[in-house]
N, C-alpha and C. Protein backbone atom coordinates (compact mmCIF):
# COMPACT_ATOMS: atom_id res chain seq x y z
N UNK A 1 -9.26 16.05 -13.76
CA UNK A 1 -9.30 14.97 -12.80
C UNK A 1 -8.50 13.78 -13.33
N UNK A 2 -7.75 13.18 -12.48
CA UNK A 2 -6.97 12.00 -12.85
C UNK A 2 -7.93 10.84 -13.12
N UNK A 3 -7.70 10.13 -14.22
CA UNK A 3 -8.51 8.95 -14.55
C UNK A 3 -7.64 7.70 -14.42
N UNK A 4 -8.15 6.74 -13.69
CA UNK A 4 -7.42 5.51 -13.43
C UNK A 4 -8.39 4.34 -13.61
N UNK A 5 -7.95 3.31 -14.30
CA UNK A 5 -8.72 2.07 -14.39
C UNK A 5 -8.40 1.25 -13.14
N UNK A 6 -9.24 1.40 -12.15
CA UNK A 6 -8.97 0.79 -10.85
C UNK A 6 -8.97 -0.73 -10.93
N UNK A 7 -9.86 -1.31 -11.70
CA UNK A 7 -9.88 -2.77 -11.82
C UNK A 7 -8.56 -3.29 -12.38
N UNK A 8 -8.05 -2.59 -13.37
CA UNK A 8 -6.76 -2.98 -13.96
C UNK A 8 -5.65 -2.88 -12.92
N UNK A 9 -5.67 -1.83 -12.12
CA UNK A 9 -4.63 -1.63 -11.09
C UNK A 9 -4.73 -2.68 -9.99
N UNK A 10 -5.95 -3.06 -9.63
CA UNK A 10 -6.14 -4.11 -8.63
C UNK A 10 -5.56 -5.44 -9.15
N UNK A 11 -5.85 -5.74 -10.41
CA UNK A 11 -5.33 -6.97 -11.01
C UNK A 11 -3.80 -6.95 -11.06
N UNK A 12 -3.25 -5.78 -11.40
CA UNK A 12 -1.80 -5.65 -11.47
C UNK A 12 -1.17 -5.83 -10.09
N UNK A 13 -1.77 -5.22 -9.08
CA UNK A 13 -1.26 -5.35 -7.71
C UNK A 13 -1.29 -6.81 -7.26
N UNK A 14 -2.38 -7.50 -7.55
CA UNK A 14 -2.48 -8.91 -7.17
C UNK A 14 -1.45 -9.76 -7.91
N UNK A 15 -1.28 -9.49 -9.20
CA UNK A 15 -0.29 -10.24 -9.98
C UNK A 15 1.11 -10.04 -9.42
N UNK A 16 1.43 -8.80 -9.06
CA UNK A 16 2.75 -8.52 -8.48
C UNK A 16 2.93 -9.27 -7.16
N UNK A 17 1.90 -9.25 -6.33
CA UNK A 17 1.99 -9.96 -5.06
C UNK A 17 2.19 -11.45 -5.29
N UNK A 18 1.44 -12.00 -6.24
CA UNK A 18 1.56 -13.43 -6.53
C UNK A 18 2.89 -13.80 -7.18
N UNK A 19 3.58 -12.81 -7.73
CA UNK A 19 4.93 -13.04 -8.27
C UNK A 19 5.98 -13.07 -7.16
N UNK A 20 5.60 -12.62 -5.96
CA UNK A 20 6.52 -12.64 -4.83
C UNK A 20 6.91 -11.28 -4.29
N UNK A 21 6.40 -10.21 -4.89
CA UNK A 21 6.69 -8.88 -4.35
C UNK A 21 5.93 -8.70 -3.05
N UNK A 22 6.49 -7.87 -2.16
CA UNK A 22 5.81 -7.67 -0.88
C UNK A 22 4.56 -6.80 -1.07
N UNK A 23 3.79 -6.69 -0.01
CA UNK A 23 2.51 -5.98 -0.07
C UNK A 23 2.67 -4.52 -0.49
N UNK A 24 3.65 -3.86 0.05
CA UNK A 24 3.89 -2.45 -0.27
C UNK A 24 4.33 -2.29 -1.72
N UNK A 25 5.26 -3.12 -2.15
CA UNK A 25 5.71 -3.09 -3.54
C UNK A 25 4.55 -3.33 -4.49
N UNK A 26 3.69 -4.26 -4.16
CA UNK A 26 2.60 -4.64 -5.05
C UNK A 26 1.64 -3.49 -5.29
N UNK A 27 1.26 -2.78 -4.24
CA UNK A 27 0.34 -1.65 -4.40
C UNK A 27 1.04 -0.49 -5.09
N UNK A 28 2.20 -0.12 -4.60
CA UNK A 28 2.91 1.04 -5.16
C UNK A 28 3.26 0.83 -6.63
N UNK A 29 3.79 -0.34 -6.95
CA UNK A 29 4.23 -0.60 -8.33
C UNK A 29 3.07 -0.73 -9.30
N UNK A 30 1.89 -1.06 -8.79
CA UNK A 30 0.71 -1.13 -9.65
C UNK A 30 0.34 0.24 -10.21
N UNK A 31 0.78 1.29 -9.54
CA UNK A 31 0.48 2.66 -9.97
C UNK A 31 1.72 3.46 -10.36
N UNK A 32 2.90 2.90 -10.26
CA UNK A 32 4.14 3.66 -10.49
C UNK A 32 4.17 4.34 -11.85
N UNK A 33 3.65 3.67 -12.87
CA UNK A 33 3.67 4.25 -14.21
C UNK A 33 2.81 5.51 -14.33
N UNK A 34 1.80 5.64 -13.48
CA UNK A 34 0.96 6.84 -13.48
C UNK A 34 1.81 8.07 -13.20
N UNK A 35 2.85 7.88 -12.41
CA UNK A 35 3.75 8.98 -12.04
C UNK A 35 5.07 8.91 -12.80
N UNK A 36 5.08 8.09 -13.85
CA UNK A 36 6.25 7.93 -14.72
C UNK A 36 7.49 7.49 -13.94
N UNK A 37 7.27 6.64 -12.94
CA UNK A 37 8.37 6.09 -12.15
C UNK A 37 8.85 4.79 -12.76
N UNK A 38 10.14 4.62 -12.79
CA UNK A 38 10.76 3.39 -13.23
C UNK A 38 10.38 2.26 -12.26
N UNK A 39 9.99 1.11 -12.79
CA UNK A 39 9.56 -0.01 -11.95
C UNK A 39 10.66 -0.47 -10.99
N UNK A 40 11.88 -0.52 -11.47
CA UNK A 40 12.97 -0.95 -10.59
C UNK A 40 13.14 0.01 -9.41
N UNK A 41 13.09 1.30 -9.70
CA UNK A 41 13.18 2.30 -8.62
C UNK A 41 11.99 2.15 -7.67
N UNK A 42 10.82 1.96 -8.21
CA UNK A 42 9.62 1.79 -7.39
C UNK A 42 9.75 0.58 -6.47
N UNK A 43 10.25 -0.52 -7.01
CA UNK A 43 10.44 -1.73 -6.19
C UNK A 43 11.47 -1.50 -5.09
N UNK A 44 12.53 -0.77 -5.42
CA UNK A 44 13.56 -0.49 -4.42
C UNK A 44 13.03 0.42 -3.31
N UNK A 45 12.31 1.46 -3.69
CA UNK A 45 11.78 2.40 -2.70
C UNK A 45 10.87 1.73 -1.69
N UNK A 46 10.15 0.73 -2.12
CA UNK A 46 9.14 0.10 -1.26
C UNK A 46 9.60 -1.23 -0.67
N UNK A 47 10.81 -1.64 -0.95
CA UNK A 47 11.25 -2.98 -0.53
C UNK A 47 11.33 -3.17 0.98
N UNK A 48 11.52 -2.14 1.74
CA UNK A 48 11.63 -2.27 3.20
C UNK A 48 10.30 -2.15 3.93
N UNK A 49 9.22 -1.91 3.20
CA UNK A 49 7.93 -1.66 3.85
C UNK A 49 7.05 -2.89 3.98
N UNK A 50 7.46 -4.03 3.41
CA UNK A 50 6.65 -5.25 3.52
C UNK A 50 6.64 -5.80 4.93
N UNK A 51 5.62 -6.59 5.21
CA UNK A 51 5.53 -7.22 6.54
C UNK A 51 5.29 -6.21 7.64
N UNK A 52 4.58 -5.15 7.32
CA UNK A 52 4.31 -4.13 8.34
C UNK A 52 5.57 -3.37 8.71
N UNK A 53 6.35 -2.96 7.70
CA UNK A 53 7.58 -2.20 7.85
C UNK A 53 8.71 -3.13 8.30
N UNK A 54 9.35 -3.76 7.34
CA UNK A 54 10.51 -4.60 7.65
C UNK A 54 10.19 -5.81 8.51
N UNK A 55 9.00 -6.37 8.32
CA UNK A 55 8.51 -7.51 9.12
C UNK A 55 8.42 -7.19 10.61
N UNK A 56 8.25 -5.92 10.94
CA UNK A 56 8.02 -5.53 12.33
C UNK A 56 6.55 -5.69 12.70
N UNK A 57 5.71 -5.94 11.69
CA UNK A 57 4.28 -6.16 11.87
C UNK A 57 3.56 -4.93 12.43
N UNK A 58 3.99 -3.78 11.96
CA UNK A 58 3.34 -2.52 12.35
C UNK A 58 2.29 -2.17 11.29
N UNK A 59 2.29 -0.98 10.72
CA UNK A 59 1.28 -0.60 9.73
C UNK A 59 1.41 -1.49 8.50
N UNK A 60 0.28 -2.00 8.03
CA UNK A 60 0.24 -2.88 6.86
C UNK A 60 0.98 -2.26 5.68
N UNK A 61 1.83 -3.04 5.06
CA UNK A 61 2.61 -2.56 3.92
C UNK A 61 1.76 -2.14 2.74
N UNK A 62 0.61 -2.78 2.54
CA UNK A 62 -0.28 -2.37 1.45
C UNK A 62 -0.75 -0.94 1.66
N UNK A 63 -0.98 -0.59 2.91
CA UNK A 63 -1.39 0.77 3.25
C UNK A 63 -0.21 1.73 3.13
N UNK A 64 0.96 1.30 3.54
CA UNK A 64 2.16 2.13 3.42
C UNK A 64 2.44 2.46 1.96
N UNK A 65 2.32 1.46 1.10
CA UNK A 65 2.48 1.70 -0.34
C UNK A 65 1.47 2.71 -0.84
N UNK A 66 0.25 2.63 -0.31
CA UNK A 66 -0.79 3.59 -0.67
C UNK A 66 -0.42 5.00 -0.24
N UNK A 67 0.11 5.13 0.97
CA UNK A 67 0.50 6.45 1.47
C UNK A 67 1.60 7.06 0.61
N UNK A 68 2.54 6.24 0.18
CA UNK A 68 3.60 6.74 -0.70
C UNK A 68 3.01 7.29 -2.00
N UNK A 69 2.01 6.60 -2.53
CA UNK A 69 1.34 7.09 -3.74
C UNK A 69 0.64 8.42 -3.48
N UNK A 70 0.04 8.55 -2.32
CA UNK A 70 -0.64 9.81 -1.99
C UNK A 70 0.34 10.97 -1.91
N UNK A 71 1.55 10.69 -1.47
CA UNK A 71 2.58 11.73 -1.45
C UNK A 71 2.93 12.22 -2.84
N UNK A 72 2.85 11.32 -3.81
CA UNK A 72 3.10 11.72 -5.20
C UNK A 72 1.90 12.45 -5.78
N UNK A 73 0.72 12.00 -5.44
CA UNK A 73 -0.51 12.59 -6.00
C UNK A 73 -0.83 13.94 -5.35
N UNK A 74 -0.68 14.02 -4.05
CA UNK A 74 -1.00 15.23 -3.30
C UNK A 74 0.23 15.65 -2.50
N UNK A 75 1.27 16.13 -3.17
CA UNK A 75 2.53 16.41 -2.49
C UNK A 75 2.43 17.54 -1.47
N UNK A 76 3.20 17.39 -0.44
CA UNK A 76 3.35 18.43 0.58
C UNK A 76 4.85 18.65 0.76
N UNK A 77 5.48 19.09 -0.30
CA UNK A 77 6.94 19.19 -0.30
C UNK A 77 7.47 20.53 0.18
N UNK A 78 6.60 21.52 0.28
CA UNK A 78 7.01 22.83 0.80
C UNK A 78 6.69 22.85 2.29
N UNK A 79 7.69 22.96 3.15
CA UNK A 79 7.43 22.89 4.59
C UNK A 79 6.55 24.02 5.12
N UNK A 80 6.39 25.08 4.33
CA UNK A 80 5.57 26.21 4.77
C UNK A 80 4.16 26.17 4.21
N UNK A 81 3.85 25.18 3.39
CA UNK A 81 2.52 25.09 2.77
C UNK A 81 1.60 24.25 3.65
N UNK A 82 0.97 24.92 4.59
CA UNK A 82 0.12 24.23 5.56
C UNK A 82 -1.09 23.59 4.89
N UNK A 83 -1.64 24.23 3.88
CA UNK A 83 -2.80 23.67 3.18
C UNK A 83 -2.42 22.36 2.49
N UNK A 84 -1.27 22.32 1.83
CA UNK A 84 -0.84 21.09 1.17
C UNK A 84 -0.65 19.97 2.18
N UNK A 85 -0.05 20.29 3.31
CA UNK A 85 0.14 19.28 4.36
C UNK A 85 -1.20 18.77 4.87
N UNK A 86 -2.12 19.71 5.11
CA UNK A 86 -3.45 19.34 5.60
C UNK A 86 -4.16 18.45 4.59
N UNK A 87 -4.12 18.83 3.32
CA UNK A 87 -4.77 18.04 2.27
C UNK A 87 -4.15 16.65 2.17
N UNK A 88 -2.83 16.58 2.26
CA UNK A 88 -2.13 15.30 2.18
C UNK A 88 -2.50 14.41 3.36
N UNK A 89 -2.46 14.95 4.56
CA UNK A 89 -2.79 14.16 5.75
C UNK A 89 -4.26 13.73 5.72
N UNK A 90 -5.14 14.62 5.26
CA UNK A 90 -6.56 14.27 5.17
C UNK A 90 -6.77 13.11 4.20
N UNK A 91 -6.05 13.14 3.10
CA UNK A 91 -6.12 12.07 2.12
C UNK A 91 -5.65 10.75 2.73
N UNK A 92 -4.53 10.79 3.42
CA UNK A 92 -4.00 9.58 4.07
C UNK A 92 -4.97 9.06 5.12
N UNK A 93 -5.59 9.96 5.86
CA UNK A 93 -6.54 9.53 6.88
C UNK A 93 -7.79 8.91 6.27
N UNK A 94 -8.25 9.45 5.14
CA UNK A 94 -9.41 8.86 4.46
C UNK A 94 -9.09 7.43 4.00
N UNK A 95 -7.90 7.26 3.43
CA UNK A 95 -7.49 5.93 2.97
C UNK A 95 -7.38 4.97 4.15
N UNK A 96 -6.75 5.40 5.22
CA UNK A 96 -6.61 4.54 6.40
C UNK A 96 -7.98 4.21 7.00
N UNK A 97 -8.86 5.20 7.06
CA UNK A 97 -10.20 4.97 7.62
C UNK A 97 -10.99 3.97 6.77
N UNK A 98 -10.88 4.08 5.45
CA UNK A 98 -11.58 3.14 4.56
C UNK A 98 -11.03 1.73 4.76
N UNK A 99 -9.70 1.60 4.79
CA UNK A 99 -9.07 0.30 5.01
C UNK A 99 -9.51 -0.28 6.36
N UNK A 100 -9.50 0.56 7.38
CA UNK A 100 -9.87 0.12 8.72
C UNK A 100 -11.35 -0.28 8.78
N UNK A 101 -12.20 0.40 8.03
CA UNK A 101 -13.62 0.05 8.03
C UNK A 101 -13.85 -1.32 7.40
N UNK A 102 -12.96 -1.72 6.51
CA UNK A 102 -13.07 -3.03 5.86
C UNK A 102 -12.44 -4.15 6.69
N UNK A 103 -11.38 -3.82 7.42
CA UNK A 103 -10.59 -4.87 8.10
C UNK A 103 -10.42 -4.67 9.61
N UNK A 104 -11.02 -3.62 10.16
CA UNK A 104 -11.01 -3.33 11.59
C UNK A 104 -9.70 -2.79 12.14
N UNK A 105 -8.63 -2.86 11.38
CA UNK A 105 -7.33 -2.38 11.85
C UNK A 105 -6.45 -2.09 10.64
N UNK A 106 -5.38 -1.34 10.88
CA UNK A 106 -4.37 -1.11 9.85
C UNK A 106 -3.03 -1.74 10.27
N UNK A 107 -3.03 -2.44 11.38
CA UNK A 107 -1.80 -3.01 11.95
C UNK A 107 -1.61 -4.44 11.43
N UNK A 108 -0.48 -4.69 10.83
CA UNK A 108 -0.17 -5.97 10.20
C UNK A 108 -0.38 -7.15 11.14
N UNK A 109 0.19 -7.11 12.33
CA UNK A 109 0.10 -8.26 13.23
C UNK A 109 -1.35 -8.55 13.63
N UNK A 110 -2.18 -7.51 13.71
CA UNK A 110 -3.59 -7.71 14.03
C UNK A 110 -4.34 -8.27 12.82
N UNK A 111 -3.99 -7.79 11.64
CA UNK A 111 -4.60 -8.32 10.42
C UNK A 111 -4.29 -9.81 10.25
N UNK A 112 -3.07 -10.19 10.61
CA UNK A 112 -2.62 -11.57 10.45
C UNK A 112 -2.84 -12.42 11.70
N UNK A 113 -3.30 -11.79 12.78
CA UNK A 113 -3.46 -12.47 14.06
C UNK A 113 -2.16 -13.12 14.51
N UNK A 114 -1.09 -12.34 14.40
CA UNK A 114 0.23 -12.77 14.83
C UNK A 114 0.45 -12.25 16.24
N UNK A 115 0.81 -13.12 17.14
CA UNK A 115 0.98 -12.73 18.54
C UNK A 115 2.28 -11.96 18.78
N UNK A 116 3.34 -12.37 18.09
CA UNK A 116 4.63 -11.70 18.27
C UNK A 116 4.62 -10.37 17.53
N UNK A 117 5.17 -9.36 18.16
CA UNK A 117 5.26 -8.07 17.50
C UNK A 117 6.37 -8.08 16.46
N UNK A 118 7.45 -8.74 16.76
CA UNK A 118 8.61 -8.73 15.86
C UNK A 118 8.97 -10.16 15.49
N UNK A 119 9.26 -10.36 14.21
CA UNK A 119 9.63 -11.68 13.72
C UNK A 119 11.03 -11.64 13.16
N UNK A 120 11.52 -12.79 12.81
CA UNK A 120 12.79 -12.89 12.11
C UNK A 120 12.73 -12.03 10.84
N UNK A 121 13.83 -11.45 10.44
CA UNK A 121 13.81 -10.67 9.21
C UNK A 121 13.70 -11.54 7.95
N UNK A 122 13.86 -12.86 8.12
CA UNK A 122 13.79 -13.74 6.95
C UNK A 122 12.35 -13.83 6.45
N UNK A 123 12.12 -13.51 5.18
CA UNK A 123 10.75 -13.55 4.65
C UNK A 123 10.22 -14.98 4.57
N UNK A 124 8.92 -15.09 4.62
CA UNK A 124 8.27 -16.39 4.48
C UNK A 124 8.45 -16.90 3.06
N UNK A 125 8.56 -18.22 2.94
CA UNK A 125 8.61 -18.82 1.61
C UNK A 125 7.26 -18.62 0.94
N UNK A 126 7.31 -18.19 -0.31
CA UNK A 126 6.08 -18.01 -1.07
C UNK A 126 5.77 -19.32 -1.79
N UNK A 127 4.84 -20.07 -1.22
CA UNK A 127 4.43 -21.34 -1.81
C UNK A 127 2.92 -21.46 -1.69
N UNK A 128 2.37 -22.58 -2.13
CA UNK A 128 0.92 -22.76 -2.12
C UNK A 128 0.35 -22.61 -0.71
N UNK A 129 1.06 -23.12 0.28
CA UNK A 129 0.59 -23.02 1.67
C UNK A 129 0.53 -21.56 2.13
N UNK A 130 1.56 -20.81 1.79
CA UNK A 130 1.60 -19.38 2.14
C UNK A 130 0.38 -18.67 1.58
N UNK A 131 0.15 -18.83 0.28
CA UNK A 131 -0.96 -18.12 -0.37
C UNK A 131 -2.32 -18.60 0.12
N UNK A 132 -2.41 -19.87 0.54
CA UNK A 132 -3.67 -20.39 1.05
C UNK A 132 -3.98 -19.87 2.45
N UNK A 133 -2.96 -19.67 3.27
CA UNK A 133 -3.15 -19.25 4.66
C UNK A 133 -3.22 -17.74 4.85
N UNK A 134 -2.47 -17.01 4.07
CA UNK A 134 -2.32 -15.57 4.30
C UNK A 134 -3.42 -14.76 3.61
N UNK A 135 -4.02 -13.83 4.33
CA UNK A 135 -5.03 -12.96 3.72
C UNK A 135 -4.42 -11.74 3.01
N UNK A 136 -3.10 -11.68 2.91
CA UNK A 136 -2.43 -10.49 2.40
C UNK A 136 -2.86 -10.10 0.99
N UNK A 137 -3.13 -11.08 0.14
CA UNK A 137 -3.55 -10.76 -1.23
C UNK A 137 -4.81 -9.90 -1.21
N UNK A 138 -5.72 -10.21 -0.32
CA UNK A 138 -6.95 -9.41 -0.20
C UNK A 138 -6.63 -7.98 0.25
N UNK A 139 -5.72 -7.84 1.18
CA UNK A 139 -5.35 -6.50 1.65
C UNK A 139 -4.73 -5.69 0.51
N UNK A 140 -3.91 -6.34 -0.29
CA UNK A 140 -3.26 -5.68 -1.43
C UNK A 140 -4.31 -5.20 -2.43
N UNK A 141 -5.25 -6.06 -2.77
CA UNK A 141 -6.28 -5.71 -3.74
C UNK A 141 -7.16 -4.58 -3.21
N UNK A 142 -7.58 -4.68 -1.97
CA UNK A 142 -8.44 -3.64 -1.39
C UNK A 142 -7.70 -2.31 -1.27
N UNK A 143 -6.45 -2.35 -0.85
CA UNK A 143 -5.66 -1.11 -0.76
C UNK A 143 -5.49 -0.48 -2.13
N UNK A 144 -5.27 -1.30 -3.16
CA UNK A 144 -5.13 -0.77 -4.52
C UNK A 144 -6.42 -0.09 -4.97
N UNK A 145 -7.54 -0.63 -4.57
CA UNK A 145 -8.83 0.00 -4.91
C UNK A 145 -9.01 1.31 -4.14
N UNK A 146 -8.78 1.25 -2.85
CA UNK A 146 -8.99 2.43 -2.00
C UNK A 146 -8.11 3.59 -2.45
N UNK A 147 -6.84 3.34 -2.67
CA UNK A 147 -5.93 4.43 -3.05
C UNK A 147 -6.26 4.94 -4.45
N UNK A 148 -6.67 4.06 -5.34
CA UNK A 148 -7.06 4.49 -6.68
C UNK A 148 -8.23 5.45 -6.63
N UNK A 149 -9.23 5.11 -5.84
CA UNK A 149 -10.39 6.00 -5.69
C UNK A 149 -9.98 7.33 -5.07
N UNK A 150 -9.11 7.28 -4.09
CA UNK A 150 -8.66 8.52 -3.44
C UNK A 150 -7.86 9.39 -4.40
N UNK A 151 -7.05 8.78 -5.23
CA UNK A 151 -6.24 9.58 -6.17
C UNK A 151 -7.11 10.23 -7.24
N UNK A 152 -8.29 9.69 -7.50
CA UNK A 152 -9.20 10.30 -8.47
C UNK A 152 -10.17 11.27 -7.81
N UNK A 153 -10.16 11.34 -6.51
CA UNK A 153 -11.14 12.09 -5.74
C UNK A 153 -11.13 13.59 -5.97
N UNK A 154 -9.96 14.19 -5.99
CA UNK A 154 -9.84 15.65 -6.03
C UNK A 154 -9.42 16.09 -7.42
N UNK A 155 -10.04 17.13 -7.89
CA UNK A 155 -9.68 17.67 -9.21
C UNK A 155 -8.28 18.25 -9.19
N UNK A 156 -7.60 18.12 -10.34
CA UNK A 156 -6.25 18.72 -10.49
C UNK A 156 -6.34 20.22 -10.43
């Protein structure tokens, strides 16, 4: 069974978010070393998923980063392996359901109570006001916990 110090990963995800990385980068990069991924590559892979996928305010980036981790932990890379696909999708659904049970939705614009579906591609300035108003740090921390527990759930 995979062993992960979830508290340490939550702290790492929060620190990354507070450094200015997007929600997806923060969750994914907090666990990248578990899969021996280079941090720069991890940041690049997840750079378009912040703001609910490119600031489209769709699925929360913290959850998207979690799903990417599940693909590494429970891969479904053989198109003919129906069991692997089923296990992978079930894992993703458990993570989404847990997140939704905590926050009522997995949709970025609903989490942020943003009326517009699509915003300017320009990211928000990360300043004291941003961090005081936005609940995103909480979503990052909770997603890091949820995905960590899920990755330890099934025996190797």
